[in-house]
Amino acid sequence: MHVFFLLLYLTSNTMCHIVRYTHQLFAEANMKIKAIELINLDVPFTPHSHKHLGYWLPHWRIHQICHITLENGIEGWGETIPNYTWAKVPGDIEDRIVGRPAAELMWDDSLGAGVQMALFDAIAKAQDVPIYRLLGTKVRDWCPISWWNMDMPPEGWAEECRQAAQAGYTSSKLKARPWFDLHAAIQAVQKVVPPGFHLDLDYNGTLANSANALPHLRELEAYPEVAMIETPIPQNDVAGNKQIRNLIARPIAMHYNNPPIETTMKEDVTDGFVICAGASRLLKQASVCEQWNKPFWLQLVGSGITTAWAAHLGAVLPQAKWPAITCMNIWEHQLIKPAIEVRGGFYRVTETPGLGVEIDPAALEQYAADYTWVDPPRHLYAYRRKSGEVTYYACTKQDMHHVYPSDSQPISEPDSSLDVIEDDDTEAFEKLYSESKKSAVRKKTREA
């Protein structure tokens, strides 16, 4: 048997033993699910995050809180960010779980992120143990965690990193984009962070190819703050990614299983991984990383609830050495009390039973919502170059990830920027928006 498939077999076999063990462990308790409640919230971003995320990811404001009650009265809590999650809670969830033993369901990733968290929370509380005791052997008491935010002009990144350092973080994962002058952005950050503060730059493939990526990334090696590069070009470009990894002096991170994990390991195209999955699949992926000595970060997005869940996973996974990304910092409230404290880039793994955090009932009342989506205000993007050339795009920021490279625009040109032009209900905006929807509109500054 090929050694790689042998490892996958052993990993799956180990997982089966864990699942079987937990079923046996809690069989006598027969902790059946009495009720499930799903609560939608609209949690505003922090003021500075809102200036930028409000145009790109306003739907991330929506949190779905899962509240499960067992027949013995024990309650479990979980959270799903339904518009960015490894698994949504299915519409028939009540029919699927009510009346069934919680231990039979806890490893079923298809039940959705929030339901799975709530099941683990309830079962761990019933056993009077923290969740990590159900997941494996503890390897760390404090887990690394990173600040997160999107692409911004230099002053925006500087403000985010200033806030991060003030809040106890020592690293920030930021969306690096070729339409900004990244040299200016990094230099702005240098002025406001203490020594040892690191930046992990996520390009989401927007450098397009190794010909674009290599000169640019080599230039960034001049900055000690730049610690890691994520997905510089599309991950399915195996040859290009391999070339980049071999020729730059920074570790490369890629999302797990793209390309297929056997190809990734055989070609050795990455230094480590981004892992985002339910408990069952995540433990399998983490086991493969352990066998191949590949570090990873947990990318489990949510408030303090999800961040607590990530700590229990990080506590038992040896290769969870890179700072977790939960994006907890982008919202104005963690939804728990007391709030999680970050110290020197780490947060403590709780020993309190269950998730180990208390849901803030006042927050559930304050942010209650009867909707599951938020649209951004209508807007344009204006890509401005030092030469005075301006290109207008009427598309989403997500679409810009492929529209900009397809348009053969420059890579991080000096003094370049991407500005938002919001709909001001004028005839001029309507005309420019209509033209830009058909095709990018190019003008000189004096014409703009």
Protein backbone atom coordinates (compact mmCIF):
# COMPACT_ATOMS: atom_id res chain seq x y z
CA MET A 1 0.00 0.00 0.00
CA HIS A 2 1.29 3.49 -0.89
CA VAL A 3 2.63 5.12 2.28
CA PHE A 4 0.34 8.13 1.86
CA PHE A 5 -2.81 6.04 1.63
CA LEU A 6 -1.56 3.99 4.57
CA LEU A 7 -1.36 7.18 6.63
CA LEU A 8 -4.88 8.15 5.59
CA TYR A 9 -6.11 4.67 6.52
CA LEU A 10 -4.46 4.85 9.93
CA THR A 11 -5.84 8.34 10.47
CA SER A 12 -9.39 7.25 9.59
CA ASN A 13 -9.02 4.13 11.72
CA THR A 14 -7.88 6.19 14.71
CA MET A 15 -10.84 8.52 14.25
CA CYS A 16 -13.23 5.55 14.22
CA HIS A 17 -11.80 4.40 17.56
CA ILE A 18 -12.29 7.89 19.05
CA VAL A 19 -15.91 8.03 17.88
CA ARG A 20 -16.61 4.48 19.10
CA TYR A 21 -15.03 5.30 22.46
CA THR A 22 -17.13 8.41 23.01
CA HIS A 23 -20.29 6.52 22.10
CA GLN A 24 -19.45 3.84 24.67
CA LEU A 25 -18.39 6.40 27.27
CA PHE A 26 -21.73 8.19 27.27
CA ALA A 27 -24.07 5.33 26.35
CA GLU A 28 -25.23 4.80 29.93
CA ALA A 29 -25.94 8.47 30.44
CA ASN A 30 -28.41 8.34 27.54
CA MET A 31 -28.35 12.11 27.31
CA LYS A 32 -31.05 12.67 24.74
CA ILE A 33 -31.71 16.02 23.15
CA LYS A 34 -34.89 17.63 24.41
CA ALA A 35 -34.91 20.86 22.40
CA ILE A 36 -32.92 23.04 20.04
CA GLU A 37 -33.22 26.78 19.56
CA LEU A 38 -31.54 28.80 16.80
CA ILE A 39 -31.10 32.52 17.45
CA ASN A 40 -30.07 34.93 14.69
CA LEU A 41 -28.02 37.98 15.64
CA ASP A 42 -26.76 41.01 13.73
CA VAL A 43 -23.56 42.03 15.52
CA PRO A 44 -22.03 45.29 14.22
CA PHE A 45 -18.40 45.48 13.27
CA THR A 46 -16.06 47.71 15.24
CA PRO A 47 -16.12 51.28 13.86
CA HIS A 48 -12.82 50.99 11.99
CA SER A 49 -13.59 47.52 10.60
CA HIS A 50 -16.99 48.72 9.42
CA LYS A 51 -15.42 51.41 7.22
CA HIS A 52 -14.02 48.63 5.04
CA LEU A 53 -15.86 45.37 5.80
CA GLY A 54 -19.18 47.15 5.36
CA TYR A 55 -18.60 47.15 1.60
CA TRP A 56 -17.16 43.64 1.27
CA LEU A 57 -18.53 41.34 3.96
CA PRO A 58 -21.53 42.96 5.68
CA HIS A 59 -23.17 39.51 5.75
CA TRP A 60 -20.52 38.43 8.25
CA ARG A 61 -22.42 40.48 10.83
CA ILE A 62 -24.92 37.64 11.00
CA HIS A 63 -24.33 35.10 13.77
CA GLN A 64 -26.56 32.08 14.37
CA ILE A 65 -26.44 30.95 17.99
CA CYS A 66 -27.39 27.35 18.71
CA HIS A 67 -28.89 26.50 22.11
CA ILE A 68 -29.41 22.81 22.88
CA THR A 69 -31.14 21.43 25.98
CA LEU A 70 -30.72 17.81 27.05
CA GLU A 71 -33.40 15.81 28.86
CA ASN A 72 -31.30 16.00 32.02
CA GLY A 73 -31.50 19.82 31.88
CA ILE A 74 -27.93 20.46 30.77
CA GLU A 75 -27.58 23.19 28.13
CA GLY A 76 -25.06 23.49 25.32
CA TRP A 77 -24.19 26.53 23.23
CA GLY A 78 -22.59 26.93 19.84
CA GLU A 79 -22.24 29.41 17.00
CA THR A 80 -22.32 29.44 13.22
CA ILE A 81 -21.37 32.33 10.98
CA PRO A 82 -23.84 31.12 8.34
CA ASN A 83 -22.34 33.17 5.51
CA TYR A 84 -18.81 31.87 6.16
CA THR A 85 -18.68 28.44 7.74
CA TRP A 86 -17.43 24.91 7.22
CA ALA A 87 -21.00 23.63 7.62
CA LYS A 88 -24.35 25.41 7.89
CA VAL A 89 -27.03 24.10 10.22
CA PRO A 90 -29.53 22.22 7.99
CA GLY A 91 -33.13 23.36 7.84
CA ASP A 92 -34.45 20.06 9.23
CA ILE A 93 -32.12 20.05 12.22
CA GLU A 94 -34.91 19.66 14.80
CA ASP A 95 -36.20 16.51 13.12
CA ARG A 96 -32.68 15.13 12.84
CA ILE A 97 -31.56 15.49 16.44
CA VAL A 98 -34.42 15.94 18.94
CA GLY A 99 -35.01 12.74 20.90
CA ARG A 100 -31.65 11.23 19.98
CA PRO A 101 -28.66 10.68 22.31
CA ALA A 102 -26.24 13.58 22.02
CA ALA A 103 -23.19 11.27 22.02
CA GLU A 104 -24.37 9.60 18.82
CA LEU A 105 -24.38 12.94 17.04
CA MET A 106 -21.39 14.88 18.34
CA TRP A 107 -18.98 13.74 15.59
CA ASP A 108 -21.42 14.37 12.74
CA ASP A 109 -19.96 17.41 10.94
CA SER A 110 -23.01 17.67 8.67
CA LEU A 111 -25.15 18.96 11.54
CA GLY A 112 -23.47 22.35 11.24
CA ALA A 113 -20.83 24.26 13.14
CA GLY A 114 -23.07 25.65 15.87
CA VAL A 115 -24.90 22.41 16.56
CA GLN A 116 -21.67 20.42 16.83
CA MET A 117 -20.17 22.96 19.25
CA ALA A 118 -23.34 22.89 21.35
CA LEU A 119 -23.30 19.08 21.48
CA PHE A 120 -19.70 19.02 22.66
CA ASP A 121 -20.46 21.79 25.16
CA ALA A 122 -23.41 19.90 26.66
CA ILE A 123 -21.68 16.51 26.82
CA ALA A 124 -18.52 17.95 28.36
CA LYS A 125 -20.60 19.78 30.97
CA ALA A 126 -22.41 16.52 31.77
CA GLN A 127 -19.03 14.87 32.38
CA ASP A 128 -17.71 17.91 34.26
CA VAL A 129 -14.71 18.24 31.93
CA PRO A 130 -13.52 20.89 29.45
CA ILE A 131 -14.19 20.03 25.81
CA TYR A 132 -10.54 19.37 25.01
CA ARG A 133 -10.72 16.25 27.23
CA LEU A 134 -13.15 14.77 24.67
CA LEU A 135 -10.84 15.58 21.75
CA GLY A 136 -7.45 14.22 22.76
CA THR A 137 -4.39 14.69 24.95
CA LYS A 138 -3.55 18.23 25.92
CA VAL A 139 -0.27 19.52 24.45
CA ARG A 140 -0.51 23.25 25.33
CA ASP A 141 -2.16 25.49 27.91
CA TRP A 142 -2.06 28.64 25.78
CA CYS A 143 -2.95 28.79 22.08
CA PRO A 144 -1.52 31.30 19.59
CA ILE A 145 -4.04 33.64 17.96
CA SER A 146 -3.77 36.38 15.34
CA TRP A 147 -5.67 39.57 14.59
CA TRP A 148 -7.46 39.65 11.22
CA ASN A 149 -8.72 42.17 8.75
CA MET A 150 -9.04 42.93 5.06
CA ASP A 151 -7.12 44.94 2.49
CA MET A 152 -6.93 48.63 3.31
CA PRO A 153 -4.88 51.70 2.41
CA PRO A 154 -1.70 52.21 4.48
CA GLU A 155 -3.35 54.26 7.20
CA GLY A 156 -6.03 51.56 7.56
CA TRP A 157 -3.53 48.75 8.09
CA ALA A 158 -1.59 50.93 10.52
CA GLU A 159 -4.70 51.56 12.62
CA GLU A 160 -5.66 47.87 12.63
CA CYS A 161 -2.18 46.81 13.73
CA ARG A 162 -2.03 49.54 16.36
CA GLN A 163 -5.28 48.20 17.81
CA ALA A 164 -3.98 44.63 17.58
CA ALA A 165 -0.80 45.38 19.52
CA GLN A 166 -2.77 47.33 22.11
CA ALA A 167 -5.11 44.33 22.55
CA GLY A 168 -2.26 41.90 23.25
CA TYR A 169 -1.75 40.42 19.79
CA THR A 170 1.72 39.99 18.28
CA SER A 171 0.63 39.21 14.73
CA SER A 172 -2.01 40.21 12.22
CA LYS A 173 -3.24 38.27 9.22
CA LEU A 174 -4.16 40.80 6.56
CA LYS A 175 -5.61 40.57 3.07
CA ALA A 176 -2.78 41.73 0.82
CA ARG A 177 -3.94 42.95 -2.57
CA PRO A 178 -2.02 44.08 -5.67
CA TRP A 179 -4.16 47.21 -6.08
CA PHE A 180 -2.53 48.80 -3.02
CA ASP A 181 1.02 50.04 -2.52
CA LEU A 182 2.01 47.34 -0.05
CA HIS A 183 5.41 48.86 0.61
CA ALA A 184 3.70 52.01 1.88
CA ALA A 185 1.26 49.89 3.90
CA ILE A 186 3.98 47.85 5.62
CA GLN A 187 6.04 50.96 6.30
CA ALA A 188 2.99 52.58 7.90
CA VAL A 189 2.56 49.51 10.12
CA GLN A 190 6.23 49.61 11.15
CA LYS A 191 5.68 53.04 12.71
CA VAL A 192 2.96 51.88 15.13
CA VAL A 193 3.84 48.31 16.22
CA PRO A 194 6.43 47.11 18.74
CA PRO A 195 9.47 45.03 17.72
CA GLY A 196 8.58 41.42 17.00
CA PHE A 197 5.10 42.16 15.63
CA HIS A 198 4.47 40.02 12.53
CA LEU A 199 2.29 40.22 9.43
CA ASP A 200 0.88 37.19 7.65
CA LEU A 201 -0.16 38.28 4.17
CA ASP A 202 -3.02 36.49 2.42
CA TYR A 203 -3.26 37.20 -1.31
CA ASN A 204 -6.15 34.83 -2.08
CA GLY A 205 -4.44 34.03 -5.39
CA THR A 206 -4.54 37.63 -6.64
CA LEU A 207 -0.89 37.66 -7.75
CA ALA A 208 -2.17 35.31 -10.47
CA ASN A 209 1.08 33.55 -11.44
CA SER A 210 4.65 32.98 -10.32
CA ALA A 211 5.98 35.55 -12.82
CA ASN A 212 4.04 38.25 -10.98
CA ALA A 213 4.53 36.82 -7.52
CA LEU A 214 8.26 36.20 -7.30
CA PRO A 215 9.63 39.74 -7.89
CA HIS A 216 6.99 41.22 -5.59
CA LEU A 217 7.44 38.72 -2.75
CA ARG A 218 11.21 38.98 -2.91
CA GLU A 219 10.91 42.73 -2.42
CA LEU A 220 8.80 42.17 0.70
CA GLU A 221 11.55 40.03 2.22
CA ALA A 222 13.24 43.33 3.13
CA TYR A 223 10.66 43.73 5.91
CA PRO A 224 11.23 41.58 9.03
CA GLU A 225 7.57 42.12 9.94
CA VAL A 226 6.46 39.99 6.96
CA ALA A 227 6.45 36.49 8.45
CA MET A 228 4.30 34.35 6.16
CA ILE A 229 2.59 34.32 2.76
CA GLU A 230 -0.77 32.62 2.15
CA THR A 231 -2.04 31.56 -1.28
CA PRO A 232 -0.01 34.00 -3.40
CA ILE A 233 -1.37 32.49 -6.64
CA PRO A 234 -4.22 30.06 -7.33
CA GLN A 235 -3.56 26.91 -5.34
CA ASN A 236 -4.20 24.56 -8.26
CA ASP A 237 -1.10 25.95 -10.00
CA VAL A 238 1.16 23.27 -8.55
CA ALA A 239 4.26 24.13 -10.58
CA GLY A 240 3.94 27.85 -9.88
CA ASN A 241 3.44 27.39 -6.16
CA LYS A 242 6.36 24.99 -5.97
CA GLN A 243 8.58 27.52 -7.71
CA ILE A 244 7.51 30.29 -5.33
CA ARG A 245 8.12 28.15 -2.26
CA ASN A 246 11.58 27.19 -3.46
CA LEU A 247 12.65 30.75 -4.26
CA ILE A 248 11.40 32.95 -1.42
CA ALA A 249 12.61 33.08 2.17
CA ARG A 250 9.21 33.06 3.85
CA PRO A 251 6.94 30.10 4.67
CA ILE A 252 3.97 29.50 2.38
CA ALA A 253 0.54 28.54 3.74
CA MET A 254 -2.22 26.94 1.66
CA HIS A 255 -5.76 25.78 2.37
CA TYR A 256 -5.85 22.05 3.05
CA ASN A 257 -6.80 19.69 0.20
CA ASN A 258 -6.43 22.14 -2.69
CA PRO A 259 -4.73 20.67 -4.65
CA PRO A 260 -5.56 17.16 -3.37
CA ILE A 261 -3.53 16.46 -0.25
CA GLU A 262 -1.54 13.64 -1.88
CA THR A 263 -0.38 16.02 -4.63
CA THR A 264 0.41 18.74 -2.09
CA MET A 265 2.61 16.41 -0.04
CA LYS A 266 4.22 14.64 -2.98
CA GLU A 267 5.19 17.92 -4.69
CA ASP A 268 5.92 19.62 -1.34
CA VAL A 269 4.36 22.89 -2.47
CA THR A 270 3.61 24.37 0.95
CA ASP A 271 5.19 24.77 4.37
CA GLY A 272 1.91 24.40 6.22
CA PHE A 273 -1.85 24.65 6.05
CA VAL A 274 -5.01 26.56 6.79
CA ILE A 275 -7.54 24.14 8.29
CA CYS A 276 -11.26 24.87 8.48
CA ALA A 277 -13.58 21.92 9.14
CA GLY A 278 -15.90 20.20 11.57
CA ALA A 279 -14.44 18.21 14.46
CA SER A 280 -14.36 14.82 12.72
CA ARG A 281 -12.75 15.98 9.48
CA LEU A 282 -10.50 18.46 11.26
CA LEU A 283 -8.94 15.78 13.48
CA LYS A 284 -8.25 13.63 10.42
CA GLN A 285 -6.59 16.53 8.61
CA ALA A 286 -4.58 17.44 11.70
CA SER A 287 -3.37 13.85 11.97
CA VAL A 288 -2.05 13.94 8.39
CA CYS A 289 -0.26 17.21 9.19
CA GLU A 290 1.29 15.57 12.24
CA GLN A 291 2.57 12.63 10.19
CA TRP A 292 4.14 14.98 7.63
CA ASN A 293 5.40 17.51 10.19
CA LYS A 294 3.39 20.35 8.65
CA PRO A 295 2.18 23.14 10.97
CA PHE A 296 -1.20 24.77 10.44
CA TRP A 297 -3.50 27.39 11.79
CA LEU A 298 -7.13 26.81 12.66
CA GLN A 299 -9.37 29.13 10.65
CA LEU A 300 -12.65 28.92 12.53
CA VAL A 301 -14.45 32.24 12.19
CA GLY A 302 -16.71 33.56 14.91
CA SER A 303 -17.09 35.49 18.12
CA GLY A 304 -15.74 34.54 21.54
CA ILE A 305 -17.89 31.39 21.36
CA THR A 306 -16.10 30.00 18.31
CA THR A 307 -12.77 31.30 19.62
CA ALA A 308 -13.27 29.22 22.77
CA TRP A 309 -14.03 26.17 20.60
CA ALA A 310 -10.83 26.79 18.64
CA ALA A 311 -8.83 26.82 21.89
CA HIS A 312 -10.03 23.33 22.81
CA LEU A 313 -8.98 22.03 19.40
CA GLY A 314 -5.69 23.89 19.50
CA ALA A 315 -5.00 22.47 22.95
CA VAL A 316 -4.79 18.88 21.66
CA LEU A 317 -3.46 19.24 18.11
CA PRO A 318 0.37 19.26 18.14
CA GLN A 319 0.75 20.97 14.75
CA ALA A 320 -1.66 23.84 15.56
CA LYS A 321 1.46 25.96 16.02
CA TRP A 322 0.56 28.90 13.80
CA PRO A 323 -1.77 31.59 15.24
CA ALA A 324 -5.45 30.73 14.93
CA ILE A 325 -7.72 32.96 12.85
CA THR A 326 -11.17 33.43 14.37
CA CYS A 327 -11.71 37.11 13.36
CA MET A 328 -13.08 37.71 16.86
CA ASN A 329 -11.62 41.22 16.74
CA ILE A 330 -13.82 42.52 13.90
CA TRP A 331 -17.07 42.61 15.93
CA GLU A 332 -17.94 45.07 18.67
CA HIS A 333 -18.94 42.29 21.10
CA GLN A 334 -17.58 38.79 21.81
CA LEU A 335 -21.07 37.55 22.90
CA ILE A 336 -19.55 36.03 26.06
CA LYS A 337 -18.60 37.28 29.50
CA PRO A 338 -15.97 37.89 30.54
CA ALA A 339 -14.33 38.61 27.18
CA ILE A 340 -11.37 36.48 26.09
CA GLU A 341 -8.05 38.12 26.96
CA VAL A 342 -5.11 37.89 24.56
CA ARG A 343 -1.65 38.11 26.14
CA GLY A 344 1.55 38.19 24.12
CA GLY A 345 -0.24 36.67 21.13
CA PHE A 346 -1.78 33.77 23.11
CA TYR A 347 -5.02 33.02 24.92
CA ARG A 348 -5.52 30.50 27.71
CA VAL A 349 -7.26 27.15 27.30
CA THR A 350 -9.98 27.09 29.93
CA GLU A 351 -10.34 24.26 32.47
CA THR A 352 -14.01 25.08 33.08
CA PRO A 353 -16.41 22.31 31.95
CA GLY A 354 -17.76 22.52 28.42
CA LEU A 355 -16.71 25.40 26.21
CA GLY A 356 -15.72 27.16 29.40
CA VAL A 357 -17.38 30.47 28.55
CA GLU A 358 -20.67 32.05 29.58
CA ILE A 359 -23.01 33.37 26.92
CA ASP A 360 -24.00 36.99 27.55
CA PRO A 361 -27.83 37.03 27.62
CA ALA A 362 -27.90 40.80 27.26
CA ALA A 363 -26.01 40.50 23.96
CA LEU A 364 -28.50 37.92 22.67
CA GLU A 365 -31.28 40.39 23.35
CA GLN A 366 -29.44 43.45 22.07
CA TYR A 367 -28.42 41.98 18.70
CA ALA A 368 -31.45 39.76 17.96
CA ALA A 369 -32.39 39.76 14.26
CA ASP A 370 -35.05 38.13 12.09
CA TYR A 371 -32.92 38.07 8.91
CA THR A 372 -29.87 36.13 7.73
CA TRP A 373 -28.26 38.41 5.16
CA VAL A 374 -27.05 42.02 4.91
CA ASP A 375 -26.36 43.66 1.54
CA PRO A 376 -23.58 46.21 1.08
CA PRO A 377 -24.50 49.73 -0.05
CA ARG A 378 -24.24 50.17 -3.81
CA HIS A 379 -20.78 51.38 -4.70
CA LEU A 380 -17.96 51.52 -7.24
CA TYR A 381 -14.25 50.86 -6.89
CA ALA A 382 -11.78 53.37 -8.30
CA TYR A 383 -8.27 52.04 -8.89
CA ARG A 384 -5.97 55.06 -8.89
CA ARG A 385 -2.38 55.17 -10.17
CA LYS A 386 0.31 57.79 -9.63
CA SER A 387 0.18 58.59 -13.36
CA GLY A 388 -3.35 59.91 -12.93
CA GLU A 389 -5.00 56.92 -14.59
CA VAL A 390 -8.19 55.81 -12.85
CA THR A 391 -10.08 52.59 -13.59
CA TYR A 392 -13.64 52.19 -12.31
CA TYR A 393 -15.07 48.77 -11.48
CA ALA A 394 -18.71 48.06 -10.67
CA CYS A 395 -18.29 44.65 -9.06
CA THR A 396 -17.98 43.12 -5.61
CA LYS A 397 -14.65 42.99 -3.80
CA GLN A 398 -14.83 39.21 -4.18
CA ASP A 399 -15.11 39.60 -7.95
CA MET A 400 -12.12 41.95 -7.92
CA HIS A 401 -9.99 38.93 -6.97
CA HIS A 402 -10.21 37.69 -10.57
CA VAL A 403 -11.28 40.86 -12.42
CA TYR A 404 -8.15 42.80 -11.46
CA PRO A 405 -5.63 40.11 -12.52
CA SER A 406 -7.63 39.47 -15.70
CA ASP A 407 -7.37 43.19 -16.46
CA SER A 408 -3.55 42.89 -16.35
CA GLN A 409 -3.27 45.69 -13.82
CA PRO A 410 0.07 46.35 -12.04
CA ILE A 411 1.30 44.52 -8.94
CA SER A 412 1.49 46.85 -5.96
CA GLU A 413 2.54 49.90 -7.92
CA PRO A 414 3.95 52.81 -5.84
CA ASP A 415 1.23 55.23 -4.67
CA SER A 416 -1.56 53.06 -6.08
CA SER A 417 -4.85 52.70 -4.22
CA LEU A 418 -8.36 51.32 -4.49
CA ASP A 419 -11.03 53.72 -3.27
CA VAL A 420 -14.71 53.16 -2.60
CA ILE A 421 -17.20 55.50 -4.27
CA GLU A 422 -20.58 55.09 -2.64
CA ASP A 423 -23.84 55.76 -4.45
CA ASP A 424 -24.77 59.39 -3.73
CA ASP A 425 -28.02 59.29 -5.73
CA THR A 426 -26.62 61.62 -8.38
CA GLU A 427 -27.01 61.31 -12.12
CA ALA A 428 -23.22 61.29 -12.48
CA PHE A 429 -22.86 58.23 -10.24
CA GLU A 430 -25.67 56.41 -12.02
CA LYS A 431 -24.05 57.04 -15.40
CA LEU A 432 -20.61 55.91 -14.26
CA TYR A 433 -22.05 52.87 -12.48
CA SER A 434 -24.02 51.78 -15.55
CA GLU A 435 -20.96 52.14 -17.80
CA SER A 436 -18.72 50.28 -15.35
CA LYS A 437 -21.18 47.39 -15.06
CA LYS A 438 -20.70 46.75 -18.77
CA SER A 439 -16.92 47.08 -18.72
CA ALA A 440 -14.22 48.75 -16.64
CA VAL A 441 -14.11 52.50 -17.34
CA ARG A 442 -10.70 54.15 -17.70
CA LYS A 443 -10.15 57.88 -17.25
CA LYS A 444 -7.40 60.36 -16.45
CA THR A 445 -7.60 62.23 -13.14
CA ARG A 446 -8.59 65.47 -14.87
CA GLU A 447 -11.56 63.62 -16.43
CA ALA A 448 -12.66 61.84 -13.24
